[in-house]
Amino acid sequence: MNLRVWQNPWRLMLAVNAAVLVGVFLHKIALPPFVPYIHLLVDYHYGFTKRALIGAIVSLFTDKVPVWLVFALAGAIWLVTLALFVKLFQRTFGFDDAHWPLFVFIAGSPFFLKNFMHTLGHFDIYGCALTIVLLLIPARSVLYVLIAALFSILLILVHHIFVLMYVPTIAAIVVLRFYLMQRVTPRNIAVGLMALAAVGILFLVAQFAGTVEVPYDEFMRHLQSRMADPSRTDLLQFGYIWYQPLSKEFADTWARMPSNILGVPVFALLIWLHAPLWRYFTRLIGALANELHRRTVFAALIMISAGYFVMFVTVFDYSRWISNWAVCMFLMLHATKMLPASKDVPPIPSDDRKTTIFGWIVTLIPRVGIVRPF
């Protein structure tokens, strides 16, 4: 048995990834560098407020929010996302021996589940989970467009930065799975345009009209009244973000840019370590049966990447942005595989020495981080 495992080490890589995930979780619980607790306290007490949907939902069930709820909610959505991704991979590729390397490079990537474990409590994973749901449900009618719009609206209410983080990927998936595969009618186009307009207007409202209007001290007193332990005022240190204008975010980001930009070579190296996966993705696109489909996929990838570039120059959580960009690429790979192909694409070779080395390196990297690499 051991000989068989070492001859085909991809299953062993999965076991190692599971152990690394446990280590990341224990480190997060024992030495949390940052607990995004305040987001569970902010609700709609003072009217419409950006970044307040999750806190408003929590307020329906409890008046006092314990710190452990951050990890309980985040852990639950992490497990849901894992289950959804396993179902998606099974449906798109299957779990035969030929596709174990692809599964390892995606599921074991430090950009994906391991980094979501490290960023427990941040809302990025909600975008990933809803996008996977969109890939799993049928895209046979205009109802699919409306569901995608609803998901986008929910995400923007959770955090308006989702308009760049996952909404472009959701839009791309709608185009690939519905508009390219179903008969395009004036009605379908009208529904799509109205959905885009609704999502865009909501983002503008959240960005420019979702700022808390009451004095900062009053806002802090309200948040403290919702804490299970009001003495933990250190957990309220980021309350200023509900008052910070877009210009201040730009200024803070560019002030940190000289030091934070030093992490770019590390991000480039991490992306390069996934080269077998990117080559496979390129072959998938090249094998599409329709030239329009190929061009649409390329245009979608450029659009998604452009959104992340805007985030990169606006807000300085670079490790999170790079990680979520990679996750969007993984999800777009699945969406591309669902399109008609003119030929079969050979999977990532499991016996190639360089590919195996890359697989082990990707497996052993525990996560990417939040701002700077690692």
Protein backbone atom coordinates (compact mmCIF):
# COMPACT_ATOMS: atom_id res chain seq x y z
CA MET A 1 0.00 0.00 0.00
CA ASN A 2 2.77 2.47 0.91
CA LEU A 3 4.55 1.72 -2.36
CA ARG A 4 1.36 2.45 -4.30
CA VAL A 5 0.93 5.75 -2.47
CA TRP A 6 4.47 6.89 -3.26
CA GLN A 7 4.13 5.82 -6.88
CA ASN A 8 1.05 8.03 -7.15
CA PRO A 9 1.62 10.66 -4.43
CA TRP A 10 -1.34 12.93 -5.23
CA ARG A 11 -3.58 11.25 -2.67
CA LEU A 12 -0.81 11.67 -0.10
CA MET A 13 -0.69 15.36 -0.96
CA LEU A 14 -4.37 15.61 -0.07
CA ALA A 15 -3.70 14.04 3.32
CA VAL A 16 -0.85 16.49 3.91
CA ASN A 17 -3.11 19.36 2.86
CA ALA A 18 -5.67 18.24 5.43
CA ALA A 19 -2.97 18.26 8.12
CA VAL A 20 -1.82 21.73 7.03
CA LEU A 21 -5.43 22.96 7.21
CA VAL A 22 -5.71 21.70 10.79
CA GLY A 23 -2.49 23.51 11.62
CA VAL A 24 -3.73 26.77 10.08
CA PHE A 25 -6.98 26.46 12.05
CA LEU A 26 -5.22 25.80 15.37
CA HIS A 27 -2.89 28.74 14.77
CA LYS A 28 -5.85 30.96 13.96
CA ILE A 29 -7.64 29.99 17.16
CA ALA A 30 -4.58 30.12 19.43
CA LEU A 31 -2.94 33.25 18.09
CA PRO A 32 -5.49 35.22 16.10
CA PRO A 33 -3.63 38.18 14.57
CA PHE A 34 -6.92 39.91 13.87
CA VAL A 35 -10.50 38.97 14.73
CA PRO A 36 -13.00 40.72 12.40
CA TYR A 37 -15.55 40.87 15.20
CA ILE A 38 -16.82 44.40 14.65
CA HIS A 39 -18.57 43.39 11.41
CA LEU A 40 -20.99 41.26 13.42
CA LEU A 41 -21.91 44.27 15.57
CA VAL A 42 -22.78 46.76 12.83
CA ASP A 43 -26.45 46.59 11.82
CA TYR A 44 -29.13 48.87 10.36
CA HIS A 45 -29.82 50.58 13.69
CA TYR A 46 -29.03 54.00 12.17
CA GLY A 47 -30.60 53.30 8.80
CA PHE A 48 -29.03 51.82 5.68
CA THR A 49 -25.35 51.15 6.36
CA LYS A 50 -22.66 49.59 4.20
CA ARG A 51 -21.07 46.33 5.36
CA ALA A 52 -23.98 45.69 7.72
CA LEU A 53 -26.06 42.81 6.31
CA ILE A 54 -24.37 40.00 8.27
CA GLY A 55 -24.50 42.01 11.50
CA ALA A 56 -28.16 42.85 10.87
CA ILE A 57 -28.96 39.15 10.43
CA VAL A 58 -27.07 38.31 13.62
CA SER A 59 -29.06 41.00 15.47
CA LEU A 60 -32.28 39.14 14.63
CA PHE A 61 -31.15 36.23 16.80
CA THR A 62 -29.16 37.79 19.62
CA ASP A 63 -28.75 41.16 21.30
CA LYS A 64 -25.28 40.32 22.60
CA VAL A 65 -22.62 39.03 20.22
CA PRO A 66 -19.87 36.80 21.66
CA VAL A 67 -16.44 36.72 20.03
CA TRP A 68 -16.68 32.97 19.43
CA LEU A 69 -19.56 33.61 17.03
CA VAL A 70 -17.03 35.00 14.54
CA PHE A 71 -15.36 31.60 14.34
CA ALA A 72 -18.62 29.64 14.49
CA LEU A 73 -20.15 31.49 11.54
CA ALA A 74 -16.90 31.58 9.59
CA GLY A 75 -16.24 27.89 10.25
CA ALA A 76 -19.74 26.96 9.11
CA ILE A 77 -19.47 28.86 5.81
CA TRP A 78 -15.99 27.38 5.29
CA LEU A 79 -17.38 23.85 5.62
CA VAL A 80 -20.27 24.71 3.31
CA THR A 81 -17.83 26.10 0.74
CA LEU A 82 -15.69 22.97 0.95
CA ALA A 83 -18.74 20.75 0.39
CA LEU A 84 -19.93 22.89 -2.51
CA PHE A 85 -16.52 22.82 -4.18
CA VAL A 86 -16.19 19.04 -3.82
CA LYS A 87 -19.62 18.67 -5.43
CA LEU A 88 -18.66 21.08 -8.23
CA PHE A 89 -15.39 19.29 -8.96
CA GLN A 90 -17.11 15.92 -8.96
CA ARG A 91 -19.72 17.15 -11.42
CA THR A 92 -17.26 18.96 -13.71
CA PHE A 93 -14.28 16.59 -13.74
CA GLY A 94 -14.94 13.60 -11.51
CA PHE A 95 -12.59 11.99 -8.99
CA ASP A 96 -10.86 9.49 -11.22
CA ASP A 97 -7.09 9.06 -10.85
CA ALA A 98 -6.39 11.25 -13.89
CA HIS A 99 -7.86 14.35 -12.23
CA TRP A 100 -6.23 14.08 -8.79
CA PRO A 101 -3.41 16.49 -9.76
CA LEU A 102 -5.96 19.12 -10.84
CA PHE A 103 -7.86 18.69 -7.58
CA VAL A 104 -4.66 19.05 -5.55
CA PHE A 105 -3.58 22.21 -7.38
CA ILE A 106 -7.01 23.81 -6.76
CA ALA A 107 -8.23 22.46 -3.40
CA GLY A 108 -4.70 22.39 -1.97
CA SER A 109 -3.72 25.80 -3.26
CA PRO A 110 -2.59 28.29 -0.60
CA PHE A 111 -4.82 30.79 -2.40
CA PHE A 112 -8.01 28.83 -1.75
CA LEU A 113 -9.32 26.83 1.22
CA LYS A 114 -6.18 27.22 3.30
CA ASN A 115 -6.23 30.99 2.95
CA PHE A 116 -9.97 31.11 3.66
CA MET A 117 -9.14 29.24 6.87
CA HIS A 118 -6.50 31.84 7.73
CA THR A 119 -8.93 34.71 7.02
CA LEU A 120 -11.79 33.25 9.07
CA GLY A 121 -14.27 36.00 9.82
CA HIS A 122 -13.63 37.98 6.63
CA PHE A 123 -16.51 37.93 4.19
CA ASP A 124 -14.58 37.00 1.01
CA ILE A 125 -15.65 33.37 1.26
CA TYR A 126 -19.33 34.28 0.90
CA GLY A 127 -18.62 35.43 -2.64
CA CYS A 128 -16.85 32.17 -3.42
CA ALA A 129 -19.68 30.06 -1.99
CA LEU A 130 -22.45 31.84 -3.91
CA THR A 131 -20.43 31.71 -7.13
CA ILE A 132 -20.03 27.94 -6.74
CA VAL A 133 -23.79 27.65 -6.20
CA LEU A 134 -24.29 29.53 -9.46
CA LEU A 135 -22.06 26.99 -11.20
CA LEU A 136 -24.04 24.09 -9.74
CA ILE A 137 -27.60 25.17 -10.55
CA PRO A 138 -29.11 24.83 -14.07
CA ALA A 139 -28.89 27.81 -16.44
CA ARG A 140 -31.89 27.09 -18.65
CA SER A 141 -34.03 30.19 -18.28
CA VAL A 142 -33.86 33.89 -17.55
CA LEU A 143 -34.47 32.98 -13.91
CA TYR A 144 -30.76 32.14 -13.81
CA VAL A 145 -29.94 35.78 -14.56
CA LEU A 146 -32.25 36.94 -11.77
CA ILE A 147 -30.69 34.51 -9.29
CA ALA A 148 -27.23 35.80 -10.22
CA ALA A 149 -28.44 39.37 -9.71
CA LEU A 150 -29.87 38.43 -6.31
CA PHE A 151 -26.55 36.85 -5.30
CA SER A 152 -24.71 40.00 -6.42
CA ILE A 153 -27.08 42.24 -4.46
CA LEU A 154 -26.65 40.15 -1.32
CA LEU A 155 -22.88 40.28 -1.65
CA ILE A 156 -22.82 44.06 -2.09
CA LEU A 157 -24.99 44.40 1.02
CA VAL A 158 -22.48 42.23 2.87
CA HIS A 159 -19.57 44.37 1.60
CA HIS A 160 -19.60 46.75 -1.33
CA ILE A 161 -16.11 45.67 -2.44
CA PHE A 162 -17.72 42.49 -3.80
CA VAL A 163 -18.66 44.59 -6.84
CA LEU A 164 -15.04 44.08 -7.91
CA MET A 165 -14.20 40.89 -6.03
CA TYR A 166 -16.82 38.36 -7.16
CA VAL A 167 -19.60 40.13 -9.05
CA PRO A 168 -17.53 40.28 -12.30
CA THR A 169 -16.99 36.51 -12.04
CA ILE A 170 -20.70 36.00 -11.45
CA ALA A 171 -21.47 38.14 -14.51
CA ALA A 172 -18.94 36.17 -16.59
CA ILE A 173 -20.49 32.85 -15.53
CA VAL A 174 -23.95 34.12 -16.50
CA VAL A 175 -22.65 35.07 -19.94
CA LEU A 176 -20.87 31.73 -20.44
CA ARG A 177 -23.56 29.44 -19.08
CA PHE A 178 -26.70 31.30 -20.16
CA TYR A 179 -26.20 33.86 -22.90
CA LEU A 180 -23.73 31.74 -24.90
CA MET A 181 -25.68 28.50 -24.47
CA GLN A 182 -29.32 29.65 -24.71
CA ARG A 183 -31.15 31.54 -27.40
CA VAL A 184 -30.54 35.26 -26.94
CA THR A 185 -33.77 37.25 -27.08
CA PRO A 186 -34.58 40.94 -26.52
CA ARG A 187 -36.27 39.89 -23.28
CA ASN A 188 -33.17 38.08 -22.03
CA ILE A 189 -30.96 41.02 -22.93
CA ALA A 190 -33.34 43.48 -21.24
CA VAL A 191 -33.39 41.41 -18.04
CA GLY A 192 -29.59 41.26 -18.04
CA LEU A 193 -29.23 45.01 -18.53
CA MET A 194 -31.76 45.74 -15.78
CA ALA A 195 -29.91 43.36 -13.45
CA LEU A 196 -26.61 45.11 -14.19
CA ALA A 197 -28.21 48.50 -13.56
CA ALA A 198 -29.72 47.37 -10.25
CA VAL A 199 -26.40 45.98 -9.03
CA GLY A 200 -24.53 49.11 -10.14
CA ILE A 201 -26.99 51.48 -8.48
CA LEU A 202 -26.89 49.49 -5.24
CA PHE A 203 -23.09 49.68 -5.21
CA LEU A 204 -23.18 53.46 -5.65
CA VAL A 205 -25.73 53.78 -2.84
CA ALA A 206 -23.66 51.57 -0.55
CA GLN A 207 -20.41 53.38 -1.37
CA PHE A 208 -21.64 56.94 -1.11
CA ALA A 209 -24.83 56.80 0.99
CA GLY A 210 -24.00 53.95 3.36
CA THR A 211 -21.81 55.98 5.70
CA VAL A 212 -23.02 56.24 9.28
CA GLU A 213 -24.41 59.73 9.89
CA VAL A 214 -24.35 59.83 13.70
CA PRO A 215 -21.25 61.02 15.60
CA TYR A 216 -18.46 58.47 15.90
CA ASP A 217 -18.68 58.23 19.70
CA GLU A 218 -22.41 57.45 19.53
CA PHE A 219 -21.78 54.77 16.92
CA MET A 220 -19.10 53.20 19.12
CA ARG A 221 -21.43 53.21 22.14
CA HIS A 222 -24.05 51.37 20.11
CA LEU A 223 -21.55 48.74 19.00
CA GLN A 224 -20.28 48.35 22.55
CA SER A 225 -23.85 47.81 23.76
CA ARG A 226 -24.06 44.79 21.45
CA MET A 227 -20.86 43.19 22.73
CA ALA A 228 -21.11 40.19 25.04
CA ASP A 229 -17.98 41.54 26.74
CA PRO A 230 -18.06 45.37 26.49
CA SER A 231 -14.61 45.60 28.07
CA ARG A 232 -13.01 44.28 24.84
CA THR A 233 -12.77 47.72 23.31
CA ASP A 234 -9.66 46.61 21.43
CA LEU A 235 -12.01 44.77 19.05
CA LEU A 236 -13.60 48.08 18.04
CA GLN A 237 -10.43 49.65 16.68
CA PHE A 238 -11.59 49.52 13.04
CA GLY A 239 -14.85 51.39 13.56
CA TYR A 240 -13.46 54.31 11.55
CA ILE A 241 -13.97 52.38 8.28
CA TRP A 242 -17.68 53.21 8.41
CA TYR A 243 -16.73 56.90 8.23
CA GLN A 244 -13.77 56.73 5.89
CA PRO A 245 -14.34 58.28 2.43
CA LEU A 246 -13.00 56.68 -0.73
CA SER A 247 -10.32 59.37 -1.01
CA LYS A 248 -8.91 58.35 2.39
CA GLU A 249 -8.75 54.70 1.30
CA PHE A 250 -6.77 55.76 -1.77
CA ALA A 251 -4.44 57.88 0.36
CA ASP A 252 -3.81 55.08 2.88
CA THR A 253 -3.17 52.54 0.14
CA TRP A 254 -0.68 54.70 -1.73
CA ALA A 255 1.09 55.65 1.49
CA ARG A 256 1.71 51.95 2.14
CA MET A 257 2.48 51.13 -1.50
CA PRO A 258 6.33 51.42 -1.36
CA SER A 259 6.60 48.75 1.34
CA ASN A 260 3.67 46.57 0.30
CA ILE A 261 4.74 46.45 -3.35
CA LEU A 262 7.74 44.39 -2.20
CA GLY A 263 5.38 41.43 -1.90
CA VAL A 264 4.57 41.39 -5.62
CA PRO A 265 7.51 39.08 -6.56
CA VAL A 266 6.29 36.62 -3.92
CA PHE A 267 2.77 36.71 -5.36
CA ALA A 268 4.23 36.16 -8.84
CA LEU A 269 6.19 33.15 -7.57
CA LEU A 270 3.06 31.66 -5.97
CA ILE A 271 1.14 32.10 -9.22
CA TRP A 272 4.01 30.51 -11.18
CA LEU A 273 3.93 27.46 -8.89
CA HIS A 274 0.45 26.79 -10.29
CA ALA A 275 1.84 26.67 -13.85
CA PRO A 276 0.54 23.12 -14.58
CA LEU A 277 -2.96 24.32 -13.73
CA TRP A 278 -2.69 27.47 -15.88
CA ARG A 279 -1.39 25.41 -18.83
CA TYR A 280 -4.34 23.07 -18.46
CA PHE A 281 -6.72 26.05 -18.35
CA THR A 282 -5.15 27.43 -21.53
CA ARG A 283 -5.65 24.09 -23.28
CA LEU A 284 -9.28 24.02 -22.17
CA ILE A 285 -9.88 27.43 -23.72
CA GLY A 286 -8.08 26.41 -26.92
CA ALA A 287 -10.22 23.28 -27.21
CA LEU A 288 -13.54 25.15 -27.15
CA ALA A 289 -15.60 24.37 -30.22
CA ASN A 290 -16.68 27.95 -30.91
CA GLU A 291 -14.36 30.88 -31.59
CA LEU A 292 -16.85 33.27 -29.98
CA HIS A 293 -16.71 31.20 -26.80
CA ARG A 294 -12.92 31.39 -26.73
CA ARG A 295 -12.91 35.14 -27.18
CA THR A 296 -15.62 35.57 -24.56
CA VAL A 297 -13.65 33.57 -21.99
CA PHE A 298 -10.51 35.63 -22.66
CA ALA A 299 -12.51 38.87 -22.37
CA ALA A 300 -14.06 37.66 -19.10
CA LEU A 301 -10.66 36.84 -17.62
CA ILE A 302 -9.39 40.30 -18.56
CA MET A 303 -12.50 41.94 -17.04
CA ILE A 304 -12.14 40.01 -13.78
CA SER A 305 -8.43 40.80 -13.55
CA ALA A 306 -9.09 44.48 -14.26
CA GLY A 307 -11.48 44.57 -11.30
CA TYR A 308 -8.79 43.16 -9.04
CA PHE A 309 -6.28 45.69 -10.34
CA VAL A 310 -8.65 48.48 -9.28
CA MET A 311 -8.91 46.86 -5.84
CA PHE A 312 -5.12 46.58 -5.69
CA VAL A 313 -4.65 50.33 -6.11
CA THR A 314 -7.59 51.21 -3.83
CA VAL A 315 -7.36 48.99 -0.74
CA PHE A 316 -4.13 47.48 0.59
CA ASP A 317 -5.21 43.94 1.62
CA TYR A 318 -3.04 42.60 -1.22
CA SER A 319 -2.73 38.98 -0.11
CA ARG A 320 -6.51 38.69 0.07
CA TRP A 321 -6.98 40.24 -3.37
CA ILE A 322 -4.41 37.98 -5.04
CA SER A 323 -5.90 34.94 -3.33
CA ASN A 324 -9.46 35.75 -4.36
CA TRP A 325 -8.31 36.53 -7.91
CA ALA A 326 -6.84 33.03 -8.09
CA VAL A 327 -10.08 31.56 -6.71
CA CYS A 328 -12.02 33.38 -9.43
CA MET A 329 -9.66 31.85 -12.01
CA PHE A 330 -10.32 28.39 -10.54
CA LEU A 331 -14.07 28.95 -10.80
CA MET A 332 -13.77 30.28 -14.35
CA LEU A 333 -11.87 27.09 -15.23
CA HIS A 334 -14.93 25.11 -14.18
CA ALA A 335 -17.23 27.41 -16.14
CA THR A 336 -15.03 27.00 -19.24
CA LYS A 337 -15.10 23.20 -18.91
CA MET A 338 -18.91 23.36 -19.11
CA LEU A 339 -18.79 24.85 -22.62
CA PRO A 340 -18.84 22.61 -25.72
CA ALA A 341 -15.37 21.46 -26.77
CA SER A 342 -14.12 20.27 -30.12
CA LYS A 343 -11.71 17.75 -28.57
CA ASP A 344 -10.79 16.18 -25.27
CA VAL A 345 -8.11 17.91 -23.24
CA PRO A 346 -5.60 15.62 -21.54
CA PRO A 347 -5.50 16.18 -17.78
CA ILE A 348 -2.50 17.45 -15.86
CA PRO A 349 0.10 14.66 -16.06
CA SER A 350 0.39 12.86 -12.75
CA ASP A 351 3.78 11.29 -13.49
CA ASP A 352 5.65 14.41 -14.60
CA ARG A 353 8.50 15.11 -12.17
CA LYS A 354 8.32 18.91 -12.36
CA THR A 355 4.53 18.89 -11.93
CA THR A 356 4.86 16.63 -8.89
CA ILE A 357 7.46 18.93 -7.32
CA PHE A 358 5.17 21.93 -7.87
CA GLY A 359 2.31 19.95 -6.36
CA TRP A 360 4.29 19.26 -3.20
CA ILE A 361 5.39 22.88 -2.86
CA VAL A 362 1.82 24.13 -3.28
CA THR A 363 0.69 21.53 -0.74
CA LEU A 364 3.20 22.59 1.90
CA ILE A 365 2.54 26.34 1.68
CA PRO A 366 -0.02 26.94 4.45
CA ARG A 367 -1.62 30.17 3.20
CA VAL A 368 -0.93 33.51 1.54
CA GLY A 369 -2.11 35.97 4.19
CA ILE A 370 -4.20 39.14 4.43
CA VAL A 371 -1.96 42.09 3.52
CA ARG A 372 1.65 40.94 3.01
CA PRO A 373 2.65 37.46 1.85
CA PHE A 374 2.58 34.96 4.73
